[in-house]
């Protein structure tokens, strides 16, 4: 899922050098230093919120990347479990990003 949804901007290794990153106005964040920037603790909840994009993260301003929460919600098949399925997908991506830490 990371490759499908994130790598075009963040790169396969998460360093912010994806194939479209050079065409964007903003510098794409290096996802490999999130743990280091958070005093050695990977900020899972903040990463999930950033992936979701439906809520503004204090200090991050307006979302600068696709609002994956909306996209994942639309793709959910059962309206009763939409939010659970959306969160599961976001968590899987966040867990993968955690493995990219240097």
PDB file of N, CA and C in Angstrom:
ATOM      1  N   UNK A   1       0.819  -1.185   0.000  1.00  0.00           N
ATOM      2  CA  UNK A   1       0.000   0.000   0.000  1.00  0.00           C
ATOM      3  C   UNK A   1       0.869   1.256   0.000  1.00  0.00           C
ATOM      4  N   UNK A   2       1.989   1.217   0.715  1.00  0.00           N
ATOM      5  CA  UNK A   2       2.894   2.375   0.709  1.00  0.00           C
ATOM      6  C   UNK A   2       3.355   2.670  -0.717  1.00  0.00           C
ATOM      7  N   UNK A   3       3.768   1.651  -1.437  1.00  0.00           N
ATOM      8  CA  UNK A   3       4.234   1.850  -2.813  1.00  0.00           C
ATOM      9  C   UNK A   3       3.110   2.440  -3.662  1.00  0.00           C
ATOM     10  N   UNK A   4       1.903   1.943  -3.509  1.00  0.00           N
ATOM     11  CA  UNK A   4       0.776   2.396  -4.318  1.00  0.00           C
ATOM     12  C   UNK A   4       0.388   3.843  -4.004  1.00  0.00           C
ATOM     13  N   UNK A   5       0.331   4.199  -2.726  1.00  0.00           N
ATOM     14  CA  UNK A   5      -0.215   5.492  -2.348  1.00  0.00           C
ATOM     15  C   UNK A   5       0.831   6.560  -2.001  1.00  0.00           C
ATOM     16  N   UNK A   6       2.025   6.172  -1.619  1.00  0.00           N
ATOM     17  CA  UNK A   6       2.965   7.140  -1.049  1.00  0.00           C
ATOM     18  C   UNK A   6       4.269   7.311  -1.816  1.00  0.00           C
ATOM     19  N   UNK A   7       4.721   6.268  -2.475  1.00  0.00           N
ATOM     20  CA  UNK A   7       6.076   6.287  -3.028  1.00  0.00           C
ATOM     21  C   UNK A   7       6.266   7.268  -4.175  1.00  0.00           C
ATOM     22  N   UNK A   8       5.220   7.637  -4.887  1.00  0.00           N
ATOM     23  CA  UNK A   8       5.415   8.578  -5.990  1.00  0.00           C
ATOM     24  C   UNK A   8       5.915   9.925  -5.484  1.00  0.00           C
ATOM     25  N   UNK A   9       5.567  10.289  -4.276  1.00  0.00           N
ATOM     26  CA  UNK A   9       6.079  11.531  -3.676  1.00  0.00           C
ATOM     27  C   UNK A   9       7.250  11.260  -2.728  1.00  0.00           C
ATOM     28  N   UNK A  10       7.071  10.312  -1.824  1.00  0.00           N
ATOM     29  CA  UNK A  10       8.059  10.076  -0.769  1.00  0.00           C
ATOM     30  C   UNK A  10       9.203   9.156  -1.192  1.00  0.00           C
ATOM     31  N   UNK A  11       9.087   8.490  -2.332  1.00  0.00           N
ATOM     32  CA  UNK A  11      10.114   7.563  -2.781  1.00  0.00           C
ATOM     33  C   UNK A  11       9.942   6.202  -2.146  1.00  0.00           C
ATOM     34  N   UNK A  12      10.481   5.190  -2.801  1.00  0.00           N
ATOM     35  CA  UNK A  12      10.348   3.815  -2.276  1.00  0.00           C
ATOM     36  C   UNK A  12      11.012   3.663  -0.919  1.00  0.00           C
ATOM     37  N   UNK A  13      12.077   4.431  -0.681  1.00  0.00           N
ATOM     38  CA  UNK A  13      12.776   4.318   0.607  1.00  0.00           C
ATOM     39  C   UNK A  13      12.332   5.376   1.611  1.00  0.00           C
ATOM     40  N   UNK A  14      11.374   6.246   1.243  1.00  0.00           N
ATOM     41  CA  UNK A  14      10.809   7.217   2.170  1.00  0.00           C
ATOM     42  C   UNK A  14      11.596   8.505   2.346  1.00  0.00           C
ATOM     43  N   UNK A  15      12.613   8.728   1.541  1.00  0.00           N
ATOM     44  CA  UNK A  15      13.477   9.898   1.736  1.00  0.00           C
ATOM     45  C   UNK A  15      12.973  11.170   1.046  1.00  0.00           C
ATOM     46  N   UNK A  16      11.806  11.117   0.428  1.00  0.00           N
ATOM     47  CA  UNK A  16      11.233  12.309  -0.182  1.00  0.00           C
ATOM     48  C   UNK A  16      11.654  12.544  -1.616  1.00  0.00           C
ATOM     49  N   UNK A  17      12.145  11.511  -2.260  1.00  0.00           N
ATOM     50  CA  UNK A  17      12.658  11.660  -3.619  1.00  0.00           C
ATOM     51  C   UNK A  17      11.878  10.827  -4.638  1.00  0.00           C
ATOM     52  N   UNK A  18      10.569  10.797  -4.477  1.00  0.00           N
ATOM     53  CA  UNK A  18       9.729  10.040  -5.398  1.00  0.00           C
ATOM     54  C   UNK A  18       9.704  10.656  -6.784  1.00  0.00           C
ATOM     55  N   UNK A  19       9.147   9.950  -7.725  1.00  0.00           N
ATOM     56  CA  UNK A  19       9.179  10.358  -9.133  1.00  0.00           C
ATOM     57  C   UNK A  19       8.482  11.692  -9.391  1.00  0.00           C
ATOM     58  N   UNK A  20       7.517  12.069  -8.583  1.00  0.00           N
ATOM     59  CA  UNK A  20       6.839  13.352  -8.790  1.00  0.00           C
ATOM     60  C   UNK A  20       7.323  14.444  -7.843  1.00  0.00           C
ATOM     61  N   UNK A  21       8.194  14.124  -6.914  1.00  0.00           N
ATOM     62  CA  UNK A  21       8.613  15.098  -5.899  1.00  0.00           C
ATOM     63  C   UNK A  21       9.236  16.354  -6.504  1.00  0.00           C
ATOM     64  N   UNK A  22       9.940  16.215  -7.597  1.00  0.00           N
ATOM     65  CA  UNK A  22      10.570  17.362  -8.240  1.00  0.00           C
ATOM     66  C   UNK A  22       9.585  18.326  -8.880  1.00  0.00           C
ATOM     67  N   UNK A  23       8.360  17.886  -9.082  1.00  0.00           N
ATOM     68  CA  UNK A  23       7.340  18.722  -9.709  1.00  0.00           C
ATOM     69  C   UNK A  23       6.451  19.440  -8.692  1.00  0.00           C
ATOM     70  N   UNK A  24       6.666  19.150  -7.422  1.00  0.00           N
ATOM     71  CA  UNK A  24       5.828  19.739  -6.378  1.00  0.00           C
ATOM     72  C   UNK A  24       6.424  21.050  -5.884  1.00  0.00           C
ATOM     73  N   UNK A  25       5.568  21.963  -5.461  1.00  0.00           N
ATOM     74  CA  UNK A  25       6.023  23.262  -4.958  1.00  0.00           C
ATOM     75  C   UNK A  25       6.688  23.128  -3.588  1.00  0.00           C
ATOM     76  N   UNK A  26       6.209  22.193  -2.783  1.00  0.00           N
ATOM     77  CA  UNK A  26       6.744  21.994  -1.442  1.00  0.00           C
ATOM     78  C   UNK A  26       7.718  20.829  -1.420  1.00  0.00           C
ATOM     79  N   UNK A  27       8.701  20.930  -0.539  1.00  0.00           N
ATOM     80  CA  UNK A  27       9.654  19.826  -0.357  1.00  0.00           C
ATOM     81  C   UNK A  27       8.935  18.671   0.324  1.00  0.00           C
ATOM     82  N   UNK A  28       9.089  17.501  -0.227  1.00  0.00           N
ATOM     83  CA  UNK A  28       8.443  16.310   0.336  1.00  0.00           C
ATOM     84  C   UNK A  28       9.246  15.865   1.560  1.00  0.00           C
ATOM     85  N   UNK A  29       8.573  15.643   2.687  1.00  0.00           N
ATOM     86  CA  UNK A  29       9.288  15.251   3.904  1.00  0.00           C
ATOM     87  C   UNK A  29      10.008  13.914   3.777  1.00  0.00           C
ATOM     88  N   UNK A  30      11.138  13.826   4.454  1.00  0.00           N
ATOM     89  CA  UNK A  30      11.901  12.587   4.576  1.00  0.00           C
ATOM     90  C   UNK A  30      11.256  11.779   5.694  1.00  0.00           C
ATOM     91  N   UNK A  31      10.608  10.695   5.335  1.00  0.00           N
ATOM     92  CA  UNK A  31       9.900   9.878   6.322  1.00  0.00           C
ATOM     93  C   UNK A  31      10.836   8.996   7.140  1.00  0.00           C
ATOM     94  N   UNK A  32      12.095   8.917   6.757  1.00  0.00           N
ATOM     95  CA  UNK A  32      13.021   8.019   7.450  1.00  0.00           C
ATOM     96  C   UNK A  32      13.564   8.622   8.740  1.00  0.00           C
ATOM     97  N   UNK A  33      13.263   9.887   9.003  1.00  0.00           N
ATOM     98  CA  UNK A  33      13.797  10.542  10.206  1.00  0.00           C
ATOM     99  C   UNK A  33      12.709  10.915  11.214  1.00  0.00           C
ATOM    100  N   UNK A  34      11.527  10.374  11.048  1.00  0.00           N
ATOM    101  CA  UNK A  34      10.426  10.711  11.949  1.00  0.00           C
ATOM    102  C   UNK A  34      10.711  10.293  13.389  1.00  0.00           C
ATOM    103  N   UNK A  35      11.267   9.117  13.565  1.00  0.00           N
ATOM    104  CA  UNK A  35      11.596   8.649  14.922  1.00  0.00           C
ATOM    105  C   UNK A  35      12.666   9.538  15.533  1.00  0.00           C
ATOM    106  N   UNK A  36      13.690   9.843  14.759  1.00  0.00           N
ATOM    107  CA  UNK A  36      14.779  10.696  15.242  1.00  0.00           C
ATOM    108  C   UNK A  36      14.253  12.078  15.629  1.00  0.00           C
ATOM    109  N   UNK A  37      13.369  12.629  14.818  1.00  0.00           N
ATOM    110  CA  UNK A  37      12.809  13.953  15.084  1.00  0.00           C
ATOM    111  C   UNK A  37      11.839  13.957  16.254  1.00  0.00           C
ATOM    112  N   UNK A  38      11.466  12.781  16.734  1.00  0.00           N
ATOM    113  CA  UNK A  38      10.512  12.659  17.840  1.00  0.00           C
ATOM    114  C   UNK A  38      11.166  11.997  19.050  1.00  0.00           C
ATOM    115  N   UNK A  39      12.422  12.336  19.292  1.00  0.00           N
ATOM    116  CA  UNK A  39      13.182  11.859  20.461  1.00  0.00           C
ATOM    117  C   UNK A  39      13.233  10.340  20.570  1.00  0.00           C
ATOM    118  N   UNK A  40      13.386   9.676  19.421  1.00  0.00           N
ATOM    119  CA  UNK A  40      13.559   8.231  19.420  1.00  0.00           C
ATOM    120  C   UNK A  40      12.279   7.418  19.444  1.00  0.00           C
ATOM    121  N   UNK A  41      11.134   8.074  19.397  1.00  0.00           N
ATOM    122  CA  UNK A  41       9.845   7.374  19.416  1.00  0.00           C
ATOM    123  C   UNK A  41       9.136   7.641  18.101  1.00  0.00           C
ATOM    124  N   UNK A  42       8.752   6.579  17.415  1.00  0.00           N
ATOM    125  CA  UNK A  42       8.029   6.757  16.159  1.00  0.00           C
ATOM    126  C   UNK A  42       6.624   7.263  16.473  1.00  0.00           C
ATOM    127  N   UNK A  43       6.220   8.411  15.884  1.00  0.00           N
ATOM    128  CA  UNK A  43       4.921   9.028  16.194  1.00  0.00           C
ATOM    129  C   UNK A  43       3.761   8.422  15.393  1.00  0.00           C
ATOM    130  N   UNK A  44       3.414   7.203  15.701  1.00  0.00           N
ATOM    131  CA  UNK A  44       2.398   6.472  14.942  1.00  0.00           C
ATOM    132  C   UNK A  44       1.105   7.266  14.785  1.00  0.00           C
ATOM    133  N   UNK A  45       0.599   7.815  15.881  1.00  0.00           N
ATOM    134  CA  UNK A  45      -0.679   8.529  15.814  1.00  0.00           C
ATOM    135  C   UNK A  45      -0.612   9.727  14.875  1.00  0.00           C
ATOM    136  N   UNK A  46       0.475  10.490  14.922  1.00  0.00           N
ATOM    137  CA  UNK A  46       0.617  11.646  14.037  1.00  0.00           C
ATOM    138  C   UNK A  46       0.759  11.234  12.585  1.00  0.00           C
ATOM    139  N   UNK A  47       1.437  10.122  12.357  1.00  0.00           N
ATOM    140  CA  UNK A  47       1.584   9.623  10.986  1.00  0.00           C
ATOM    141  C   UNK A  47       0.218   9.195  10.448  1.00  0.00           C
ATOM    142  N   UNK A  48      -0.565   8.515  11.252  1.00  0.00           N
ATOM    143  CA  UNK A  48      -1.910   8.106  10.839  1.00  0.00           C
ATOM    144  C   UNK A  48      -2.759   9.337  10.523  1.00  0.00           C
ATOM    145  N   UNK A  49      -2.694  10.359  11.377  1.00  0.00           N
ATOM    146  CA  UNK A  49      -3.456  11.583  11.127  1.00  0.00           C
ATOM    147  C   UNK A  49      -3.017  12.269   9.837  1.00  0.00           C
ATOM    148  N   UNK A  50      -1.720  12.263   9.571  1.00  0.00           N
ATOM    149  CA  UNK A  50      -1.213  12.873   8.342  1.00  0.00           C
ATOM    150  C   UNK A  50      -1.678  12.093   7.121  1.00  0.00           C
ATOM    151  N   UNK A  51      -1.661  10.773   7.204  1.00  0.00           N
ATOM    152  CA  UNK A  51      -2.135   9.939   6.096  1.00  0.00           C
ATOM    153  C   UNK A  51      -3.624  10.187   5.877  1.00  0.00           C
ATOM    154  N   UNK A  52      -4.383  10.215   6.952  1.00  0.00           N
ATOM    155  CA  UNK A  52      -5.831  10.404   6.869  1.00  0.00           C
ATOM    156  C   UNK A  52      -6.157  11.742   6.205  1.00  0.00           C
ATOM    157  N   UNK A  53      -5.570  12.818   6.709  1.00  0.00           N
ATOM    158  CA  UNK A  53      -5.729  14.123   6.103  1.00  0.00           C
ATOM    159  C   UNK A  53      -7.072  14.793   6.272  1.00  0.00           C
ATOM    160  N   UNK A  54      -8.022  14.134   6.897  1.00  0.00           N
ATOM    161  CA  UNK A  54      -9.345  14.742   7.072  1.00  0.00           C
ATOM    162  C   UNK A  54      -9.388  15.671   8.272  1.00  0.00           C
ATOM    163  N   UNK A  55      -8.384  15.583   9.107  1.00  0.00           N
ATOM    164  CA  UNK A  55      -8.304  16.441  10.281  1.00  0.00           C
ATOM    165  C   UNK A  55      -7.031  17.262  10.176  1.00  0.00           C
ATOM    166  N   UNK A  56      -7.097  18.524  10.499  1.00  0.00           N
ATOM    167  CA  UNK A  56      -5.897  19.358  10.473  1.00  0.00           C
ATOM    168  C   UNK A  56      -5.041  18.996  11.676  1.00  0.00           C
ATOM    169  N   UNK A  57      -3.769  18.772  11.436  1.00  0.00           N
ATOM    170  CA  UNK A  57      -2.841  18.457  12.518  1.00  0.00           C
ATOM    171  C   UNK A  57      -2.238  19.769  12.994  1.00  0.00           C
ATOM    172  N   UNK A  58      -2.392  20.072  14.279  1.00  0.00           N
ATOM    173  CA  UNK A  58      -1.857  21.310  14.812  1.00  0.00           C
ATOM    174  C   UNK A  58      -0.364  21.386  14.517  1.00  0.00           C
ATOM    175  N   UNK A  59       0.062  22.507  14.009  1.00  0.00           N
ATOM    176  CA  UNK A  59       1.469  22.687  13.679  1.00  0.00           C
ATOM    177  C   UNK A  59       1.814  22.298  12.255  1.00  0.00           C
ATOM    178  N   UNK A  60       0.939  21.556  11.612  1.00  0.00           N
ATOM    179  CA  UNK A  60       1.194  21.155  10.232  1.00  0.00           C
ATOM    180  C   UNK A  60       0.437  22.018   9.248  1.00  0.00           C
ATOM    181  N   UNK A  61      -0.507  22.835   9.727  1.00  0.00           N
ATOM    182  CA  UNK A  61      -1.272  23.678   8.814  1.00  0.00           C
ATOM    183  C   UNK A  61      -2.227  22.866   7.971  1.00  0.00           C
ATOM    184  N   UNK A  62      -2.540  23.388   6.819  1.00  0.00           N
ATOM    185  CA  UNK A  62      -3.457  22.703   5.912  1.00  0.00           C
ATOM    186  C   UNK A  62      -2.781  21.475   5.316  1.00  0.00           C
ATOM    187  N   UNK A  63      -3.569  20.446   5.012  1.00  0.00           N
ATOM    188  CA  UNK A  63      -2.972  19.258   4.392  1.00  0.00           C
ATOM    189  C   UNK A  63      -2.326  19.608   3.053  1.00  0.00           C
ATOM    190  N   UNK A  64      -1.137  19.129   2.831  1.00  0.00           N
ATOM    191  CA  UNK A  64      -0.412  19.389   1.592  1.00  0.00           C
ATOM    192  C   UNK A  64      -0.369  18.153   0.700  1.00  0.00           C
ATOM    193  N   UNK A  65      -0.890  17.060   1.168  1.00  0.00           N
ATOM    194  CA  UNK A  65      -0.863  15.832   0.384  1.00  0.00           C
ATOM    195  C   UNK A  65      -2.283  15.333   0.204  1.00  0.00           C
ATOM    196  N   UNK A  66      -2.487  14.332  -0.623  1.00  0.00           N
ATOM    197  CA  UNK A  66      -3.853  13.820  -0.831  1.00  0.00           C
ATOM    198  C   UNK A  66      -4.508  13.417   0.480  1.00  0.00           C
ATOM    199  N   UNK A  67      -5.801  13.582   0.523  1.00  0.00           N
ATOM    200  CA  UNK A  67      -6.566  13.228   1.713  1.00  0.00           C
ATOM    201  C   UNK A  67      -6.951  11.753   1.579  1.00  0.00           C
ATOM    202  N   UNK A  68      -6.024  10.898   1.994  1.00  0.00           N
ATOM    203  CA  UNK A  68      -6.227   9.459   1.803  1.00  0.00           C
ATOM    204  C   UNK A  68      -7.411   8.942   2.596  1.00  0.00           C
ATOM    205  N   UNK A  69      -7.729   9.565   3.726  1.00  0.00           N
ATOM    206  CA  UNK A  69      -8.890   9.134   4.508  1.00  0.00           C
ATOM    207  C   UNK A  69     -10.167   9.193   3.695  1.00  0.00           C
ATOM    208  N   UNK A  70     -10.339  10.249   2.915  1.00  0.00           N
ATOM    209  CA  UNK A  70     -11.520  10.348   2.055  1.00  0.00           C
ATOM    210  C   UNK A  70     -11.508   9.272   0.972  1.00  0.00           C
ATOM    211  N   UNK A  71     -10.359   9.064   0.389  1.00  0.00           N
ATOM    212  CA  UNK A  71     -10.241   8.069  -0.680  1.00  0.00           C
ATOM    213  C   UNK A  71     -10.500   6.667  -0.134  1.00  0.00           C
ATOM    214  N   UNK A  72      -9.863   6.338   0.999  1.00  0.00           N
ATOM    215  CA  UNK A  72     -10.067   5.013   1.598  1.00  0.00           C
ATOM    216  C   UNK A  72     -11.528   4.828   2.012  1.00  0.00           C
ATOM    217  N   UNK A  73     -12.167   5.880   2.520  1.00  0.00           N
ATOM    218  CA  UNK A  73     -13.576   5.786   2.925  1.00  0.00           C
ATOM    219  C   UNK A  73     -14.473   5.490   1.732  1.00  0.00           C
ATOM    220  N   UNK A  74     -14.206   6.161   0.626  1.00  0.00           N
ATOM    221  CA  UNK A  74     -15.015   5.925  -0.579  1.00  0.00           C
ATOM    222  C   UNK A  74     -14.835   4.514  -1.111  1.00  0.00           C
ATOM    223  N   UNK A  75     -13.641   3.952  -0.932  1.00  0.00           N
ATOM    224  CA  UNK A  75     -13.364   2.609  -1.442  1.00  0.00           C
ATOM    225  C   UNK A  75     -13.923   1.505  -0.552  1.00  0.00           C
ATOM    226  N   UNK A  76     -14.313   1.842   0.678  1.00  0.00           N
ATOM    227  CA  UNK A  76     -14.846   0.834   1.605  1.00  0.00           C
ATOM    228  C   UNK A  76     -16.162   0.293   1.063  1.00  0.00           C
ATOM    229  N   UNK A  77     -16.340  -0.990   1.192  1.00  0.00           N
ATOM    230  CA  UNK A  77     -17.508  -1.642   0.616  1.00  0.00           C
ATOM    231  C   UNK A  77     -18.724  -1.645   1.541  1.00  0.00           C
ATOM    232  N   UNK A  78     -18.503  -1.695   2.839  1.00  0.00           N
ATOM    233  CA  UNK A  78     -19.599  -1.775   3.805  1.00  0.00           C
ATOM    234  C   UNK A  78     -19.656  -0.478   4.614  1.00  0.00           C
ATOM    235  N   UNK A  79     -20.731   0.299   4.488  1.00  0.00           N
ATOM    236  CA  UNK A  79     -20.819   1.570   5.201  1.00  0.00           C
ATOM    237  C   UNK A  79     -20.729   1.428   6.725  1.00  0.00           C
ATOM    238  N   UNK A  80     -21.073   0.257   7.244  1.00  0.00           N
ATOM    239  CA  UNK A  80     -21.012   0.042   8.691  1.00  0.00           C
ATOM    240  C   UNK A  80     -19.574  -0.014   9.200  1.00  0.00           C
ATOM    241  N   UNK A  81     -18.639  -0.404   8.332  1.00  0.00           N
ATOM    242  CA  UNK A  81     -17.251  -0.571   8.771  1.00  0.00           C
ATOM    243  C   UNK A  81     -16.285   0.396   8.087  1.00  0.00           C
ATOM    244  N   UNK A  82     -16.828   1.419   7.440  1.00  0.00           N
ATOM    245  CA  UNK A  82     -15.994   2.346   6.674  1.00  0.00           C
ATOM    246  C   UNK A  82     -14.846   2.914   7.502  1.00  0.00           C
ATOM    247  N   UNK A  83     -15.145   3.437   8.678  1.00  0.00           N
ATOM    248  CA  UNK A  83     -14.095   4.080   9.486  1.00  0.00           C
ATOM    249  C   UNK A  83     -13.066   3.070   9.985  1.00  0.00           C
ATOM    250  N   UNK A  84     -13.508   1.883  10.345  1.00  0.00           N
ATOM    251  CA  UNK A  84     -12.574   0.860  10.819  1.00  0.00           C
ATOM    252  C   UNK A  84     -11.635   0.443   9.691  1.00  0.00           C
ATOM    253  N   UNK A  85     -12.191   0.208   8.516  1.00  0.00           N
ATOM    254  CA  UNK A  85     -11.383  -0.207   7.370  1.00  0.00           C
ATOM    255  C   UNK A  85     -10.409   0.906   6.987  1.00  0.00           C
ATOM    256  N   UNK A  86     -10.879   2.152   7.006  1.00  0.00           N
ATOM    257  CA  UNK A  86     -10.024   3.289   6.681  1.00  0.00           C
ATOM    258  C   UNK A  86      -8.868   3.375   7.663  1.00  0.00           C
ATOM    259  N   UNK A  87      -9.151   3.280   8.942  1.00  0.00           N
ATOM    260  CA  UNK A  87      -8.098   3.335   9.962  1.00  0.00           C
ATOM    261  C   UNK A  87      -7.124   2.169   9.823  1.00  0.00           C
ATOM    262  N   UNK A  88      -7.627   0.978   9.510  1.00  0.00           N
ATOM    263  CA  UNK A  88      -6.740  -0.173   9.324  1.00  0.00           C
ATOM    264  C   UNK A  88      -5.758   0.074   8.183  1.00  0.00           C
ATOM    265  N   UNK A  89      -6.240   0.621   7.100  1.00  0.00           N
ATOM    266  CA  UNK A  89      -5.363   0.893   5.957  1.00  0.00           C
ATOM    267  C   UNK A  89      -4.312   1.945   6.327  1.00  0.00           C
ATOM    268  N   UNK A  90      -4.735   2.988   7.011  1.00  0.00           N
ATOM    269  CA  UNK A  90      -3.804   4.035   7.441  1.00  0.00           C
ATOM    270  C   UNK A  90      -2.770   3.476   8.410  1.00  0.00           C
ATOM    271  N   UNK A  91      -3.199   2.607   9.303  1.00  0.00           N
ATOM    272  CA  UNK A  91      -2.284   1.999  10.277  1.00  0.00           C
ATOM    273  C   UNK A  91      -1.273   1.100   9.584  1.00  0.00           C
ATOM    274  N   UNK A  92      -1.698   0.340   8.589  1.00  0.00           N
ATOM    275  CA  UNK A  92      -0.764  -0.510   7.847  1.00  0.00           C
ATOM    276  C   UNK A  92       0.323   0.321   7.173  1.00  0.00           C
ATOM    277  N   UNK A  93      -0.066   1.443   6.585  1.00  0.00           N
ATOM    278  CA  UNK A  93       0.926   2.311   5.956  1.00  0.00           C
ATOM    279  C   UNK A  93       1.850   2.903   7.005  1.00  0.00           C
ATOM    280  N   UNK A  94       1.294   3.376   8.118  1.00  0.00           N
ATOM    281  CA  UNK A  94       2.118   3.941   9.195  1.00  0.00           C
ATOM    282  C   UNK A  94       3.092   2.905   9.742  1.00  0.00           C
ATOM    283  N   UNK A  95       2.642   1.678   9.912  1.00  0.00           N
ATOM    284  CA  UNK A  95       3.526   0.608  10.395  1.00  0.00           C
ATOM    285  C   UNK A  95       4.670   0.367   9.410  1.00  0.00           C
ATOM    286  N   UNK A  96       4.376   0.442   8.133  1.00  0.00           N
ATOM    287  CA  UNK A  96       5.421   0.283   7.140  1.00  0.00           C
ATOM    288  C   UNK A  96       6.426   1.443   7.211  1.00  0.00           C
ATOM    289  N   UNK A  97       5.921   2.658   7.323  1.00  0.00           N
ATOM    290  CA  UNK A  97       6.801   3.829   7.435  1.00  0.00           C
ATOM    291  C   UNK A  97       7.713   3.679   8.662  1.00  0.00           C
ATOM    292  N   UNK A  98       7.210   3.078   9.728  1.00  0.00           N
ATOM    293  CA  UNK A  98       8.033   2.848  10.914  1.00  0.00           C
ATOM    294  C   UNK A  98       9.237   1.962  10.595  1.00  0.00           C
ATOM    295  N   UNK A  99       9.091   1.056   9.645  1.00  0.00           N
ATOM    296  CA  UNK A  99      10.211   0.177   9.283  1.00  0.00           C
ATOM    297  C   UNK A  99      11.280   0.901   8.464  1.00  0.00           C
ATOM    298  N   UNK A 100      10.967   2.077   7.958  1.00  0.00           N
ATOM    299  CA  UNK A 100      11.909   2.838   7.133  1.00  0.00           C
ATOM    300  C   UNK A 100      12.843   3.728   7.953  1.00  0.00           C
ATOM    301  N   UNK A 101      12.660   3.755   9.259  1.00  0.00           N
ATOM    302  CA  UNK A 101      13.431   4.669  10.096  1.00  0.00           C
ATOM    303  C   UNK A 101      14.915   4.321  10.109  1.00  0.00           C
ATOM    304  N   UNK A 102      15.733   5.390  10.054  1.00  0.00           N
ATOM    305  CA  UNK A 102      17.198   5.231  10.111  1.00  0.00           C
ATOM    306  C   UNK A 102      17.654   5.344  11.539  1.00  0.00           C
TER     307      UNK A 102
END
